[in-house]
Amino acid sequence: MTKTLVSIRIAIAALAAVAIAVACGADASDAGESAVAEPSPTTAATAAAEPADDVAASVPTSAGTALAVPDGAAVYQKYCAECHGVDLRGTDKGPSQLSIIYEPNHHGDYAYRVAIREGTREHHWWFGDMPPVEDITDLEIEKVISFIRAEQQRLGFEQ
């Protein structure tokens, strides 16, 4: 494994450890969400380990070849758009990611990570339970969260 991949895994593990250690006062009854806050996604470790969302990057492998790392918009379209809408405004299958409910102080990045990885029970919406997202990598999860947060800032939240 290359130093870059090891660094990315260490950074993700460190972020997870910090997130578990810090309480945020979230409602623990919300399934799929933890009563744990997450660190800022723009720490020095992740900033150094990840390229900007709007740039396709490559990560070298131990075989000397490069794996393409898609940008967050491409990851969102692949895994999320069917239910949450190509424009993040939701569909009849899933809620809008521009809803004020998904602002970072209510549903932080850690809540997104847990929901993507483990799925979550229906809460705040009436679309049914969200299943785990199959076959998504940790790097793709970070990319899609960064993309969603950037779009939330750019487009604003719906009340």
Protein backbone atom coordinates (compact mmCIF):
# COMPACT_ATOMS: atom_id res chain seq x y z
CA MET A 1 0.00 0.00 0.00
CA THR A 2 1.36 3.41 -0.89
CA LYS A 3 2.09 6.11 1.64
CA THR A 4 -0.76 8.20 0.21
CA LEU A 5 -3.34 5.47 0.77
CA VAL A 6 -1.99 4.80 4.25
CA SER A 7 -2.16 8.53 5.02
CA ILE A 8 -5.76 8.71 3.79
CA ARG A 9 -6.76 5.71 5.92
CA ILE A 10 -5.01 7.13 8.97
CA ALA A 11 -6.70 10.50 8.46
CA ILE A 12 -10.12 8.86 8.16
CA ALA A 13 -9.46 6.72 11.24
CA ALA A 14 -8.30 9.77 13.19
CA LEU A 15 -11.38 11.72 12.18
CA ALA A 16 -13.61 8.85 13.23
CA ALA A 17 -11.83 8.56 16.59
CA VAL A 18 -12.22 12.29 17.26
CA ALA A 19 -15.88 12.18 16.20
CA ILE A 20 -16.59 9.38 18.64
CA ALA A 21 -14.88 11.28 21.44
CA VAL A 22 -16.87 14.52 21.05
CA ALA A 23 -20.55 14.73 22.01
CA CYS A 24 -22.78 17.13 20.04
CA GLY A 25 -26.16 16.77 21.72
CA ALA A 26 -27.90 15.24 18.69
CA ASP A 27 -31.10 13.35 19.35
CA ALA A 28 -29.84 9.79 19.83
CA SER A 29 -33.31 8.45 19.02
CA ASP A 30 -32.73 9.37 15.38
CA ALA A 31 -31.75 5.99 14.00
CA GLY A 32 -28.68 5.91 11.86
CA GLU A 33 -27.42 9.02 13.55
CA SER A 34 -25.05 9.06 16.43
CA ALA A 35 -25.10 11.44 19.36
CA VAL A 36 -21.53 12.20 18.34
CA ALA A 37 -20.17 15.26 16.61
CA GLU A 38 -17.67 15.06 13.84
CA PRO A 39 -14.58 17.11 13.24
CA SER A 40 -14.47 19.70 10.51
CA PRO A 41 -14.01 18.03 7.11
CA THR A 42 -11.32 20.54 6.22
CA THR A 43 -8.64 19.45 8.64
CA ALA A 44 -5.06 19.62 7.46
CA ALA A 45 -4.90 15.84 7.14
CA THR A 46 -7.86 15.57 4.80
CA ALA A 47 -6.97 18.72 2.90
CA ALA A 48 -3.54 17.32 2.16
CA ALA A 49 -4.86 13.84 1.39
CA GLU A 50 -7.69 14.76 -0.95
CA PRO A 51 -7.77 16.76 -4.18
CA ALA A 52 -10.45 19.41 -4.76
CA ASP A 53 -13.92 18.09 -5.65
CA ASP A 54 -13.93 19.67 -9.08
CA VAL A 55 -10.70 17.99 -10.14
CA ALA A 56 -10.46 14.37 -11.23
CA ALA A 57 -7.47 12.89 -9.48
CA SER A 58 -5.54 9.69 -9.54
CA VAL A 59 -4.18 7.64 -6.69
CA PRO A 60 -1.15 5.46 -7.39
CA THR A 61 -1.44 1.78 -6.49
CA SER A 62 1.23 -0.65 -5.35
CA ALA A 63 1.34 -2.02 -8.91
CA GLY A 64 2.36 1.43 -10.17
CA THR A 65 -0.93 2.08 -11.96
CA ALA A 66 -3.28 4.91 -11.09
CA LEU A 67 -6.88 4.58 -9.98
CA ALA A 68 -9.20 7.39 -11.01
CA VAL A 69 -10.86 9.18 -8.11
CA PRO A 70 -14.14 10.70 -9.29
CA ASP A 71 -15.22 14.14 -8.18
CA GLY A 72 -18.05 14.54 -5.69
CA ALA A 73 -20.63 15.48 -8.32
CA ALA A 74 -19.98 12.24 -10.21
CA VAL A 75 -20.23 10.22 -6.99
CA TYR A 76 -23.51 11.97 -6.10
CA GLN A 77 -24.99 11.24 -9.53
CA LYS A 78 -23.94 7.59 -9.31
CA TYR A 79 -25.18 6.79 -5.80
CA CYS A 80 -27.55 9.52 -4.59
CA ALA A 81 -29.37 11.31 -7.41
CA GLU A 82 -31.95 8.59 -8.05
CA CYS A 83 -33.52 9.18 -4.64
CA HIS A 84 -32.32 12.67 -3.66
CA GLY A 85 -32.64 14.27 -7.10
CA VAL A 86 -30.07 15.30 -9.68
CA ASP A 87 -30.40 18.85 -8.30
CA LEU A 88 -30.36 17.71 -4.62
CA ARG A 89 -34.01 18.82 -4.29
CA GLY A 90 -35.37 15.33 -3.60
CA THR A 91 -37.75 13.00 -5.43
CA ASP A 92 -40.69 10.83 -4.47
CA LYS A 93 -38.05 8.35 -3.18
CA GLY A 94 -35.98 10.60 -0.91
CA PRO A 95 -35.74 14.01 0.73
CA SER A 96 -34.07 17.16 -0.55
CA GLN A 97 -30.50 17.61 0.63
CA LEU A 98 -31.20 21.35 0.58
CA SER A 99 -33.76 21.04 3.38
CA ILE A 100 -32.80 23.06 6.45
CA ILE A 101 -32.88 19.73 8.32
CA TYR A 102 -29.62 18.78 6.60
CA GLU A 103 -27.69 21.89 7.56
CA PRO A 104 -24.39 20.97 9.27
CA ASN A 105 -25.49 21.92 12.80
CA HIS A 106 -28.39 19.45 12.68
CA HIS A 107 -27.10 16.66 10.43
CA GLY A 108 -23.34 16.89 10.51
CA ASP A 109 -20.95 15.09 8.20
CA TYR A 110 -20.69 12.18 10.63
CA ALA A 111 -24.46 11.62 10.36
CA TYR A 112 -24.06 11.49 6.58
CA ARG A 113 -21.23 8.96 6.90
CA VAL A 114 -23.30 6.71 9.16
CA ALA A 115 -26.41 6.96 6.97
CA ILE A 116 -24.44 6.18 3.81
CA ARG A 117 -22.60 3.24 5.39
CA GLU A 118 -25.34 1.75 7.58
CA GLY A 119 -28.58 3.20 6.27
CA THR A 120 -31.05 4.91 8.58
CA ARG A 121 -34.64 4.61 9.74
CA GLU A 122 -37.28 6.96 8.42
CA HIS A 123 -37.19 10.21 10.40
CA HIS A 124 -37.77 13.80 9.30
CA TRP A 125 -39.34 12.39 6.11
CA TRP A 126 -41.97 9.94 4.87
CA PHE A 127 -40.06 8.08 2.14
CA GLY A 128 -39.31 4.97 4.20
CA ASP A 129 -35.98 3.78 5.55
CA MET A 130 -32.78 4.63 3.70
CA PRO A 131 -30.80 1.49 2.89
CA PRO A 132 -27.01 1.43 3.14
CA VAL A 133 -25.26 2.52 -0.05
CA GLU A 134 -23.64 -0.58 -1.49
CA ASP A 135 -20.11 -0.62 -2.93
CA ILE A 136 -19.24 3.00 -2.11
CA THR A 137 -15.69 3.61 -0.92
CA ASP A 138 -14.62 5.76 2.03
CA LEU A 139 -13.04 8.25 -0.37
CA GLU A 140 -16.25 8.44 -2.42
CA ILE A 141 -18.22 9.08 0.79
CA GLU A 142 -15.95 12.00 1.67
CA LYS A 143 -16.21 13.34 -1.89
CA VAL A 144 -20.01 13.18 -1.96
CA ILE A 145 -20.32 14.85 1.45
CA SER A 146 -18.00 17.66 0.30
CA PHE A 147 -20.06 18.05 -2.87
CA ILE A 148 -23.37 18.18 -0.95
CA ARG A 149 -21.97 20.76 1.51
CA ALA A 150 -20.64 22.92 -1.32
CA GLU A 151 -24.00 22.80 -3.11
CA GLN A 152 -25.83 23.63 0.12
CA GLN A 153 -23.64 26.73 0.48
CA ARG A 154 -24.03 27.66 -3.18
CA LEU A 155 -27.80 27.12 -3.43
CA GLY A 156 -28.88 27.81 0.15
CA PHE A 157 -31.27 25.83 2.32
CA GLU A 158 -35.00 25.38 1.83
CA GLN A 159 -37.18 26.16 4.84
